[in-house]
């Protein structure tokens, strides 16, 4: 999607509350497009090679155009879906439907946010979200789904599911550490 003025970004910039920002982030699977207008940048900047610490300074004249592509990365989608579900668990169906419109990494981020907020759902509904999480392409989302499965059904079932995963990182999954109050004590409880 291309636009010739900044109206979509101006619309985004006028959002003054988190709920509306969540709604916008979850409603636009294609983002806000790119601009044919260019952004002016500093005429001088430095590039540092992290491997050896060397640096190089770049200088351009004041008429050199820069190009800026606004990008809304998956962590914002994760945040927005977590916040939306925590605010109203009845939105789950709409959020799951919306996930199908996003490209894979944004869809997985949205599902990740739903897993983060799964505690607001009843057990059968939470299982549906866990199942979706276990079907995602990203290992980190599947590991979070395993954490939620462990909370519902215990570590044995989650371990079995983890061992069957195609990704080595997921296969190495271990249950989250118990809370300090749940650890045995020499002094007794």
N, C-alpha and C. Protein backbone atom coordinates (compact mmCIF):
# COMPACT_ATOMS: atom_id res chain seq x y z
N UNK A 1 0.85 -1.16 0.00
CA UNK A 1 0.00 0.00 0.00
C UNK A 1 0.90 1.23 0.00
N UNK A 2 0.74 2.10 -0.94
CA UNK A 2 1.49 3.35 -1.01
C UNK A 2 0.56 4.50 -0.73
N UNK A 3 1.07 5.53 -0.11
CA UNK A 3 0.29 6.73 0.08
C UNK A 3 1.16 7.92 -0.22
N UNK A 4 0.53 8.96 -0.72
CA UNK A 4 1.28 10.13 -1.16
C UNK A 4 1.34 11.23 -0.13
N UNK A 5 0.65 11.08 0.95
CA UNK A 5 0.77 12.07 2.02
C UNK A 5 0.95 11.32 3.32
N UNK A 6 1.06 12.02 4.40
CA UNK A 6 1.30 11.37 5.68
C UNK A 6 0.04 11.11 6.48
N UNK A 7 -1.14 11.14 5.84
CA UNK A 7 -2.37 11.01 6.61
C UNK A 7 -2.44 9.71 7.43
N UNK A 8 -2.03 8.54 6.91
CA UNK A 8 -2.08 7.36 7.77
C UNK A 8 -1.18 7.49 9.00
N UNK A 9 0.01 8.03 8.84
CA UNK A 9 0.89 8.20 9.99
C UNK A 9 0.38 9.31 10.89
N UNK A 10 -0.21 10.35 10.30
CA UNK A 10 -0.79 11.41 11.12
C UNK A 10 -1.92 10.83 11.97
N UNK A 11 -2.72 9.95 11.37
CA UNK A 11 -3.80 9.29 12.11
C UNK A 11 -3.22 8.49 13.27
N UNK A 12 -2.15 7.77 13.00
CA UNK A 12 -1.51 6.97 14.04
C UNK A 12 -0.92 7.87 15.13
N UNK A 13 -0.34 8.99 14.73
CA UNK A 13 0.29 9.90 15.69
C UNK A 13 -0.74 10.57 16.60
N UNK A 14 -1.99 10.68 16.16
CA UNK A 14 -3.01 11.33 16.98
C UNK A 14 -3.61 10.40 18.03
N UNK A 15 -3.28 9.13 17.97
CA UNK A 15 -3.82 8.18 18.95
C UNK A 15 -3.24 8.54 20.31
N UNK A 16 -4.13 8.76 21.27
CA UNK A 16 -3.65 9.18 22.58
C UNK A 16 -3.98 8.21 23.70
N UNK A 17 -4.46 7.02 23.37
CA UNK A 17 -4.63 6.03 24.42
C UNK A 17 -4.25 4.64 23.93
N UNK A 18 -3.85 3.81 24.87
CA UNK A 18 -3.33 2.49 24.54
C UNK A 18 -4.38 1.59 23.90
N UNK A 19 -5.63 1.74 24.30
CA UNK A 19 -6.68 0.88 23.74
C UNK A 19 -6.85 1.12 22.25
N UNK A 20 -6.83 2.38 21.84
CA UNK A 20 -6.97 2.69 20.42
C UNK A 20 -5.74 2.24 19.65
N UNK A 21 -4.56 2.40 20.23
CA UNK A 21 -3.34 1.92 19.58
C UNK A 21 -3.42 0.41 19.38
N UNK A 22 -3.87 -0.32 20.39
CA UNK A 22 -4.05 -1.77 20.25
C UNK A 22 -5.00 -2.08 19.09
N UNK A 23 -6.13 -1.38 19.07
CA UNK A 23 -7.12 -1.63 18.02
C UNK A 23 -6.50 -1.42 16.64
N UNK A 24 -5.75 -0.34 16.47
CA UNK A 24 -5.12 -0.06 15.18
C UNK A 24 -4.07 -1.10 14.82
N UNK A 25 -3.26 -1.50 15.79
CA UNK A 25 -2.20 -2.48 15.52
C UNK A 25 -2.79 -3.83 15.12
N UNK A 26 -3.95 -4.16 15.66
CA UNK A 26 -4.56 -5.44 15.36
C UNK A 26 -5.49 -5.39 14.15
N UNK A 27 -5.82 -4.20 13.70
CA UNK A 27 -6.77 -4.06 12.59
C UNK A 27 -6.09 -3.92 11.24
N UNK A 28 -4.80 -3.68 11.21
CA UNK A 28 -4.12 -3.41 9.95
C UNK A 28 -3.01 -4.42 9.71
N UNK A 29 -3.35 -5.56 9.13
CA UNK A 29 -2.33 -6.58 8.92
C UNK A 29 -1.22 -6.14 7.98
N UNK A 30 -1.49 -5.22 7.10
CA UNK A 30 -0.47 -4.77 6.15
C UNK A 30 0.29 -3.55 6.65
N UNK A 31 0.02 -3.09 7.85
CA UNK A 31 0.71 -1.94 8.38
C UNK A 31 0.18 -0.65 7.81
N UNK A 32 1.03 0.35 7.74
CA UNK A 32 0.61 1.67 7.29
C UNK A 32 1.25 2.06 5.97
N UNK A 33 1.82 1.12 5.27
CA UNK A 33 2.38 1.40 3.95
C UNK A 33 3.70 2.12 3.99
N UNK A 34 4.07 2.70 2.88
CA UNK A 34 5.31 3.45 2.77
C UNK A 34 4.99 4.83 2.23
N UNK A 35 5.89 5.72 2.44
CA UNK A 35 5.67 7.10 2.03
C UNK A 35 6.53 7.44 0.83
N UNK A 36 5.98 8.26 -0.06
CA UNK A 36 6.79 8.77 -1.16
C UNK A 36 7.52 10.03 -0.71
N UNK A 37 7.18 10.54 0.46
CA UNK A 37 7.91 11.67 1.01
C UNK A 37 9.18 11.13 1.66
N UNK A 38 10.20 11.91 1.69
CA UNK A 38 11.46 11.47 2.26
C UNK A 38 11.73 12.17 3.57
N UNK A 39 12.47 11.52 4.40
CA UNK A 39 12.82 12.06 5.73
C UNK A 39 14.24 12.59 5.68
N UNK A 40 14.45 13.79 6.18
CA UNK A 40 15.79 14.35 6.23
C UNK A 40 16.51 13.77 7.43
N UNK A 41 17.77 13.46 7.25
CA UNK A 41 18.57 12.91 8.33
C UNK A 41 19.78 13.80 8.55
N UNK A 42 20.49 13.51 9.60
CA UNK A 42 21.72 14.25 9.88
C UNK A 42 22.67 14.10 8.70
N UNK A 43 23.39 15.17 8.35
CA UNK A 43 24.32 15.07 7.22
C UNK A 43 25.57 14.24 7.56
N UNK A 44 25.71 13.84 8.82
CA UNK A 44 26.90 13.08 9.19
C UNK A 44 26.50 11.99 10.19
N UNK A 45 27.03 10.79 9.98
CA UNK A 45 26.81 9.70 10.92
C UNK A 45 28.01 8.78 10.89
N UNK A 46 28.04 7.89 11.88
CA UNK A 46 29.19 7.00 12.02
C UNK A 46 28.73 5.55 11.98
N UNK A 47 29.50 4.73 11.30
CA UNK A 47 29.25 3.29 11.26
C UNK A 47 30.39 2.64 12.03
N UNK A 48 30.05 1.75 12.96
CA UNK A 48 31.06 1.08 13.77
C UNK A 48 31.00 -0.41 13.47
N UNK A 49 32.15 -1.00 13.16
CA UNK A 49 32.25 -2.44 12.95
C UNK A 49 32.44 -3.09 14.32
N UNK A 50 31.44 -3.81 14.78
CA UNK A 50 31.48 -4.38 16.12
C UNK A 50 32.51 -5.49 16.27
N UNK A 51 32.92 -6.09 15.18
CA UNK A 51 33.89 -7.19 15.29
C UNK A 51 35.29 -6.71 15.64
N UNK A 52 35.68 -5.53 15.14
CA UNK A 52 37.04 -5.07 15.44
C UNK A 52 37.09 -3.66 16.02
N UNK A 53 35.95 -3.01 16.19
CA UNK A 53 35.91 -1.69 16.80
C UNK A 53 36.28 -0.53 15.89
N UNK A 54 36.55 -0.81 14.63
CA UNK A 54 36.88 0.29 13.72
C UNK A 54 35.62 1.05 13.36
N UNK A 55 35.81 2.30 12.99
CA UNK A 55 34.65 3.12 12.63
C UNK A 55 34.93 3.89 11.35
N UNK A 56 33.85 4.32 10.75
CA UNK A 56 33.93 5.10 9.52
C UNK A 56 32.87 6.18 9.60
N UNK A 57 33.24 7.39 9.27
CA UNK A 57 32.31 8.51 9.29
C UNK A 57 31.81 8.78 7.88
N UNK A 58 30.51 8.98 7.75
CA UNK A 58 29.89 9.31 6.47
C UNK A 58 29.39 10.74 6.54
N UNK A 59 29.58 11.47 5.47
CA UNK A 59 29.06 12.83 5.37
C UNK A 59 28.38 12.97 4.01
N UNK A 60 27.18 13.54 4.03
CA UNK A 60 26.45 13.79 2.79
C UNK A 60 26.09 15.26 2.75
N UNK A 61 25.82 15.78 1.56
CA UNK A 61 25.45 17.19 1.51
C UNK A 61 23.99 17.35 1.91
N UNK A 62 23.59 18.56 2.16
CA UNK A 62 22.26 18.84 2.69
C UNK A 62 21.12 18.51 1.74
N UNK A 63 21.41 18.21 0.49
CA UNK A 63 20.37 17.90 -0.48
C UNK A 63 20.18 16.40 -0.69
N UNK A 64 20.93 15.60 0.02
CA UNK A 64 20.81 14.14 -0.09
C UNK A 64 19.53 13.71 0.62
N UNK A 65 18.72 12.95 -0.08
CA UNK A 65 17.46 12.48 0.49
C UNK A 65 17.66 11.15 1.20
N UNK A 66 16.97 11.01 2.30
CA UNK A 66 16.93 9.73 3.00
C UNK A 66 15.55 9.14 2.81
N UNK A 67 15.41 7.87 3.08
CA UNK A 67 14.12 7.20 2.94
C UNK A 67 13.79 6.50 4.25
N UNK A 68 12.60 6.68 4.74
CA UNK A 68 12.17 6.08 5.99
C UNK A 68 10.93 5.22 5.73
N UNK A 69 10.99 3.98 6.15
CA UNK A 69 9.83 3.08 6.05
C UNK A 69 9.36 2.75 7.45
N UNK A 70 8.23 3.29 7.87
CA UNK A 70 7.76 2.94 9.21
C UNK A 70 7.44 1.46 9.27
N UNK A 71 7.87 0.83 10.33
CA UNK A 71 7.65 -0.60 10.47
C UNK A 71 7.15 -0.88 11.88
N UNK A 72 6.12 -1.67 11.98
CA UNK A 72 5.56 -2.03 13.26
C UNK A 72 5.87 -3.49 13.48
N UNK A 73 6.87 -3.71 14.28
CA UNK A 73 7.42 -5.04 14.46
C UNK A 73 6.52 -5.92 15.31
N UNK A 74 6.72 -7.23 15.19
CA UNK A 74 5.89 -8.18 15.94
C UNK A 74 5.76 -7.92 17.44
N UNK A 75 6.79 -7.42 18.14
CA UNK A 75 6.56 -7.19 19.58
C UNK A 75 5.39 -6.25 19.86
N UNK A 76 5.13 -5.31 18.96
CA UNK A 76 3.96 -4.45 19.16
C UNK A 76 2.67 -5.23 18.95
N UNK A 77 2.66 -6.15 18.01
CA UNK A 77 1.47 -6.99 17.81
C UNK A 77 1.24 -7.86 19.05
N UNK A 78 2.33 -8.41 19.60
CA UNK A 78 2.22 -9.24 20.80
C UNK A 78 1.64 -8.43 21.95
N UNK A 79 2.20 -7.24 22.16
CA UNK A 79 1.72 -6.37 23.23
C UNK A 79 0.24 -6.04 23.04
N UNK A 80 -0.12 -5.69 21.82
CA UNK A 80 -1.50 -5.28 21.54
C UNK A 80 -2.48 -6.43 21.77
N UNK A 81 -2.14 -7.63 21.32
CA UNK A 81 -3.08 -8.74 21.49
C UNK A 81 -3.19 -9.15 22.95
N UNK A 82 -2.06 -9.12 23.68
CA UNK A 82 -2.11 -9.43 25.12
C UNK A 82 -3.01 -8.43 25.83
N UNK A 83 -2.81 -7.17 25.54
CA UNK A 83 -3.60 -6.12 26.20
C UNK A 83 -5.08 -6.22 25.83
N UNK A 84 -5.35 -6.49 24.56
CA UNK A 84 -6.74 -6.60 24.10
C UNK A 84 -7.46 -7.76 24.79
N UNK A 85 -6.80 -8.91 24.89
CA UNK A 85 -7.43 -10.08 25.51
C UNK A 85 -7.60 -9.89 27.01
N UNK A 86 -6.60 -9.30 27.65
CA UNK A 86 -6.73 -9.05 29.09
C UNK A 86 -7.86 -8.07 29.38
N UNK A 87 -8.05 -7.13 28.49
CA UNK A 87 -9.11 -6.14 28.68
C UNK A 87 -10.50 -6.70 28.45
N UNK A 88 -10.60 -7.71 27.57
CA UNK A 88 -11.91 -8.26 27.26
C UNK A 88 -11.73 -9.66 26.65
N UNK A 89 -11.88 -10.67 27.47
CA UNK A 89 -11.65 -12.05 27.00
C UNK A 89 -12.66 -12.48 25.94
N UNK A 90 -13.77 -11.76 25.81
CA UNK A 90 -14.76 -12.09 24.79
C UNK A 90 -14.27 -11.73 23.39
N UNK A 91 -13.15 -11.02 23.29
CA UNK A 91 -12.59 -10.64 21.99
C UNK A 91 -11.76 -11.75 21.36
N UNK A 92 -11.61 -12.87 22.05
CA UNK A 92 -10.72 -13.92 21.57
C UNK A 92 -11.04 -14.35 20.14
N UNK A 93 -12.29 -14.61 19.83
CA UNK A 93 -12.63 -15.08 18.48
C UNK A 93 -12.23 -14.07 17.42
N UNK A 94 -12.49 -12.79 17.69
CA UNK A 94 -12.10 -11.74 16.74
C UNK A 94 -10.58 -11.70 16.58
N UNK A 95 -9.86 -11.85 17.68
CA UNK A 95 -8.40 -11.80 17.63
C UNK A 95 -7.84 -13.00 16.86
N UNK A 96 -8.41 -14.17 17.08
CA UNK A 96 -7.96 -15.36 16.34
C UNK A 96 -8.25 -15.21 14.85
N UNK A 97 -9.40 -14.65 14.53
CA UNK A 97 -9.76 -14.42 13.12
C UNK A 97 -8.78 -13.40 12.50
N UNK A 98 -8.48 -12.35 13.25
CA UNK A 98 -7.55 -11.33 12.76
C UNK A 98 -6.16 -11.91 12.53
N UNK A 99 -5.75 -12.85 13.37
CA UNK A 99 -4.42 -13.46 13.23
C UNK A 99 -4.25 -14.09 11.85
N UNK A 100 -5.31 -14.62 11.29
CA UNK A 100 -5.25 -15.25 9.98
C UNK A 100 -4.96 -14.27 8.85
N UNK A 101 -5.10 -12.98 9.08
CA UNK A 101 -4.86 -11.97 8.05
C UNK A 101 -3.42 -11.48 8.03
N UNK A 102 -2.67 -11.78 9.07
CA UNK A 102 -1.30 -11.27 9.18
C UNK A 102 -0.30 -12.21 8.52
N UNK A 103 0.84 -11.64 8.10
CA UNK A 103 1.92 -12.48 7.60
C UNK A 103 2.42 -13.33 8.78
N UNK A 104 3.10 -14.46 8.52
CA UNK A 104 3.42 -15.43 9.57
C UNK A 104 4.07 -14.88 10.83
N UNK A 105 5.09 -14.05 10.72
CA UNK A 105 5.75 -13.63 11.96
C UNK A 105 4.89 -12.68 12.78
N UNK A 106 4.05 -11.89 12.12
CA UNK A 106 3.13 -11.02 12.85
C UNK A 106 1.98 -11.84 13.43
N UNK A 107 1.53 -12.84 12.70
CA UNK A 107 0.48 -13.74 13.20
C UNK A 107 0.98 -14.47 14.44
N UNK A 108 2.21 -14.97 14.38
CA UNK A 108 2.77 -15.68 15.52
C UNK A 108 2.92 -14.76 16.73
N UNK A 109 3.29 -13.50 16.48
CA UNK A 109 3.41 -12.54 17.58
C UNK A 109 2.05 -12.29 18.22
N UNK A 110 1.01 -12.19 17.40
CA UNK A 110 -0.33 -12.01 17.93
C UNK A 110 -0.73 -13.21 18.78
N UNK A 111 -0.47 -14.41 18.30
CA UNK A 111 -0.78 -15.63 19.07
C UNK A 111 0.03 -15.65 20.37
N UNK A 112 1.29 -15.20 20.29
CA UNK A 112 2.13 -15.15 21.49
C UNK A 112 1.50 -14.25 22.55
N UNK A 113 0.98 -13.12 22.13
CA UNK A 113 0.30 -12.23 23.06
C UNK A 113 -0.93 -12.87 23.69
N UNK A 114 -1.66 -13.65 22.89
CA UNK A 114 -2.83 -14.35 23.43
C UNK A 114 -2.40 -15.38 24.47
N UNK A 115 -1.29 -16.05 24.21
CA UNK A 115 -0.76 -17.00 25.20
C UNK A 115 -0.33 -16.29 26.48
N UNK A 116 0.23 -15.10 26.34
CA UNK A 116 0.64 -14.31 27.50
C UNK A 116 -0.56 -13.98 28.39
N UNK A 117 -1.70 -13.78 27.77
CA UNK A 117 -2.91 -13.39 28.51
C UNK A 117 -3.87 -14.55 28.72
N UNK A 118 -3.46 -15.77 28.45
CA UNK A 118 -4.36 -16.93 28.51
C UNK A 118 -4.96 -17.16 29.89
N UNK A 119 -4.34 -16.63 30.92
CA UNK A 119 -4.87 -16.83 32.27
C UNK A 119 -6.28 -16.25 32.45
N UNK A 120 -6.71 -15.36 31.57
CA UNK A 120 -8.05 -14.78 31.70
C UNK A 120 -9.12 -15.69 31.08
N UNK A 121 -8.70 -16.78 30.45
CA UNK A 121 -9.63 -17.68 29.76
C UNK A 121 -9.94 -18.90 30.62
N UNK A 122 -11.11 -19.50 30.37
CA UNK A 122 -11.40 -20.75 31.05
C UNK A 122 -10.54 -21.87 30.45
N UNK A 123 -10.43 -22.99 31.12
CA UNK A 123 -9.51 -24.06 30.71
C UNK A 123 -9.76 -24.56 29.29
N UNK A 124 -11.01 -24.86 28.87
CA UNK A 124 -11.19 -25.35 27.50
C UNK A 124 -10.77 -24.31 26.44
N UNK A 125 -11.07 -23.05 26.69
CA UNK A 125 -10.70 -22.01 25.74
C UNK A 125 -9.19 -21.82 25.73
N UNK A 126 -8.57 -21.89 26.91
CA UNK A 126 -7.12 -21.78 27.00
C UNK A 126 -6.46 -22.90 26.19
N UNK A 127 -7.04 -24.10 26.23
CA UNK A 127 -6.49 -25.23 25.45
C UNK A 127 -6.50 -24.92 23.94
N UNK A 128 -7.56 -24.26 23.48
CA UNK A 128 -7.63 -23.88 22.05
C UNK A 128 -6.49 -22.93 21.69
N UNK A 129 -6.24 -21.95 22.56
CA UNK A 129 -5.16 -20.99 22.30
C UNK A 129 -3.81 -21.70 22.35
N UNK A 130 -3.65 -22.61 23.29
CA UNK A 130 -2.41 -23.39 23.39
C UNK A 130 -2.20 -24.21 22.11
N UNK A 131 -3.27 -24.83 21.64
CA UNK A 131 -3.17 -25.61 20.40
C UNK A 131 -2.71 -24.72 19.24
N UNK A 132 -3.28 -23.52 19.13
CA UNK A 132 -2.84 -22.58 18.08
C UNK A 132 -1.38 -22.22 18.25
N UNK A 133 -0.97 -21.99 19.50
CA UNK A 133 0.41 -21.65 19.78
C UNK A 133 1.38 -22.77 19.41
N UNK A 134 0.97 -23.99 19.63
CA UNK A 134 1.82 -25.14 19.29
C UNK A 134 1.93 -25.36 17.79
N UNK A 135 1.05 -24.74 17.01
CA UNK A 135 1.07 -24.87 15.56
C UNK A 135 1.82 -23.74 14.86
N UNK A 136 2.33 -22.79 15.62
CA UNK A 136 3.02 -21.65 15.00
C UNK A 136 4.40 -22.05 14.50
N UNK A 137 4.96 -21.21 13.66
CA UNK A 137 6.28 -21.49 13.09
C UNK A 137 7.41 -21.11 14.03
N UNK A 138 7.18 -20.19 14.94
CA UNK A 138 8.25 -19.70 15.81
C UNK A 138 8.39 -20.55 17.06
N UNK A 139 9.62 -20.98 17.29
CA UNK A 139 9.92 -21.82 18.45
C UNK A 139 9.59 -21.12 19.76
N UNK A 140 9.84 -19.82 19.85
CA UNK A 140 9.58 -19.11 21.11
C UNK A 140 8.09 -19.13 21.46
N UNK A 141 7.25 -19.07 20.45
CA UNK A 141 5.80 -19.12 20.69
C UNK A 141 5.41 -20.52 21.14
N UNK A 142 5.96 -21.53 20.49
CA UNK A 142 5.66 -22.91 20.89
C UNK A 142 6.14 -23.18 22.32
N UNK A 143 7.28 -22.61 22.71
CA UNK A 143 7.77 -22.80 24.08
C UNK A 143 6.82 -22.13 25.09
N UNK A 144 6.29 -20.97 24.75
CA UNK A 144 5.32 -20.32 25.63
C UNK A 144 4.05 -21.16 25.71
N UNK A 145 3.64 -21.73 24.58
CA UNK A 145 2.46 -22.62 24.59
C UNK A 145 2.71 -23.82 25.49
N UNK A 146 3.94 -24.34 25.49
CA UNK A 146 4.28 -25.46 26.38
C UNK A 146 4.20 -25.04 27.84
N UNK A 147 4.61 -23.81 28.15
CA UNK A 147 4.48 -23.30 29.53
C UNK A 147 3.01 -23.31 29.95
N UNK A 148 2.13 -22.85 29.05
CA UNK A 148 0.70 -22.81 29.38
C UNK A 148 0.12 -24.22 29.49
N UNK A 149 0.57 -25.12 28.63
CA UNK A 149 0.12 -26.52 28.71
C UNK A 149 0.56 -27.13 30.04
N UNK A 150 1.75 -26.83 30.46
CA UNK A 150 2.27 -27.32 31.74
C UNK A 150 1.41 -26.81 32.90
N UNK A 151 0.99 -25.55 32.84
CA UNK A 151 0.14 -25.00 33.89
C UNK A 151 -1.18 -25.74 33.98
N UNK A 152 -1.72 -26.14 32.83
CA UNK A 152 -3.02 -26.83 32.81
C UNK A 152 -2.91 -28.32 33.14
N UNK A 153 -1.97 -28.98 32.49
CA UNK A 153 -1.93 -30.45 32.54
C UNK A 153 -0.70 -31.03 33.21
N UNK A 154 0.19 -30.19 33.68
CA UNK A 154 1.40 -30.67 34.34
C UNK A 154 2.54 -30.88 33.36
N UNK A 155 3.75 -31.02 33.90
CA UNK A 155 4.94 -31.10 33.06
C UNK A 155 5.05 -32.35 32.20
N UNK A 156 4.48 -33.46 32.61
CA UNK A 156 4.64 -34.70 31.83
C UNK A 156 4.03 -34.56 30.42
N UNK A 157 2.83 -34.04 30.33
CA UNK A 157 2.19 -33.88 29.03
C UNK A 157 2.96 -32.87 28.17
N UNK A 158 3.39 -31.77 28.80
CA UNK A 158 4.15 -30.76 28.06
C UNK A 158 5.49 -31.32 27.59
N UNK A 159 6.14 -32.13 28.41
CA UNK A 159 7.42 -32.76 28.00
C UNK A 159 7.22 -33.68 26.80
N UNK A 160 6.16 -34.47 26.83
CA UNK A 160 5.88 -35.36 25.69
C UNK A 160 5.71 -34.55 24.42
N UNK A 161 4.95 -33.47 24.51
CA UNK A 161 4.73 -32.63 23.33
C UNK A 161 6.04 -31.97 22.88
N UNK A 162 6.84 -31.52 23.82
CA UNK A 162 8.12 -30.88 23.48
C UNK A 162 9.06 -31.87 22.78
N UNK A 163 9.13 -33.08 23.27
CA UNK A 163 10.03 -34.08 22.67
C UNK A 163 9.64 -34.42 21.24
N UNK A 164 8.38 -34.24 20.89
CA UNK A 164 7.92 -34.56 19.53
C UNK A 164 8.11 -33.40 18.56
N UNK A 165 8.59 -32.26 19.03
CA UNK A 165 8.72 -31.07 18.18
C UNK A 165 9.90 -31.24 17.22
N UNK A 166 9.81 -30.59 16.07
CA UNK A 166 10.87 -30.66 15.06
C UNK A 166 12.05 -29.76 15.38
N UNK A 167 11.87 -28.81 16.28
CA UNK A 167 12.92 -27.83 16.60
C UNK A 167 13.67 -28.25 17.86
N UNK A 168 14.99 -28.25 17.80
CA UNK A 168 15.81 -28.67 18.94
C UNK A 168 15.61 -27.77 20.16
N UNK A 169 15.42 -26.49 19.94
CA UNK A 169 15.20 -25.57 21.07
C UNK A 169 13.91 -25.92 21.80
N UNK A 170 12.89 -26.25 21.05
CA UNK A 170 11.61 -26.62 21.67
C UNK A 170 11.75 -27.98 22.36
N UNK A 171 12.47 -28.89 21.75
CA UNK A 171 12.68 -30.20 22.38
C UNK A 171 13.40 -30.09 23.72
N UNK A 172 14.20 -29.03 23.90
CA UNK A 172 14.93 -28.82 25.16
C UNK A 172 14.09 -28.10 26.21
N UNK A 173 12.83 -27.82 25.90
CA UNK A 173 11.97 -27.09 26.82
C UNK A 173 11.94 -27.77 28.19
N UNK A 174 11.92 -26.95 29.23
CA UNK A 174 11.76 -27.41 30.60
C UNK A 174 10.69 -26.56 31.26
N UNK A 175 9.98 -27.12 32.24
CA UNK A 175 8.93 -26.33 32.91
C UNK A 175 9.53 -25.09 33.57
N UNK A 176 8.72 -24.05 33.66
CA UNK A 176 9.19 -22.84 34.36
C UNK A 176 9.55 -23.19 35.80
N UNK A 177 10.47 -22.44 36.36
CA UNK A 177 10.87 -22.69 37.74
C UNK A 177 9.72 -22.41 38.69
N UNK A 178 9.58 -23.23 39.74
CA UNK A 178 8.50 -22.97 40.70
C UNK A 178 8.78 -21.67 41.47
N UNK A 179 7.71 -21.09 41.98
CA UNK A 179 7.84 -19.88 42.79
C UNK A 179 8.65 -20.22 44.04
N UNK A 180 9.44 -19.27 44.58
CA UNK A 180 10.23 -19.55 45.78
C UNK A 180 9.39 -20.08 46.93
N UNK A 181 8.14 -19.64 47.04
CA UNK A 181 7.29 -20.12 48.13
C UNK A 181 6.90 -21.58 47.96
N UNK A 182 7.06 -22.13 46.73
CA UNK A 182 6.71 -23.52 46.47
C UNK A 182 7.90 -24.46 46.65
N UNK A 183 9.10 -23.89 46.83
CA UNK A 183 10.29 -24.71 47.01
C UNK A 183 10.31 -25.28 48.42
N UNK A 184 10.79 -26.53 48.54
CA UNK A 184 10.88 -27.12 49.89
C UNK A 184 11.87 -26.33 50.76
N UNK A 185 11.64 -26.33 52.02
CA UNK A 185 12.48 -25.61 52.94
C UNK A 185 13.00 -26.56 54.02
N UNK A 186 14.20 -26.30 54.49
CA UNK A 186 14.74 -27.10 55.59
C UNK A 186 14.00 -26.83 56.88
N UNK A 187 13.41 -25.65 56.97
CA UNK A 187 12.70 -25.27 58.19
C UNK A 187 11.25 -25.71 58.20
N UNK A 188 10.79 -26.29 57.11
CA UNK A 188 9.40 -26.71 57.01
C UNK A 188 8.48 -25.55 56.72
N UNK A 189 7.21 -25.84 56.50
CA UNK A 189 6.27 -24.76 56.18
C UNK A 189 5.40 -24.45 57.36
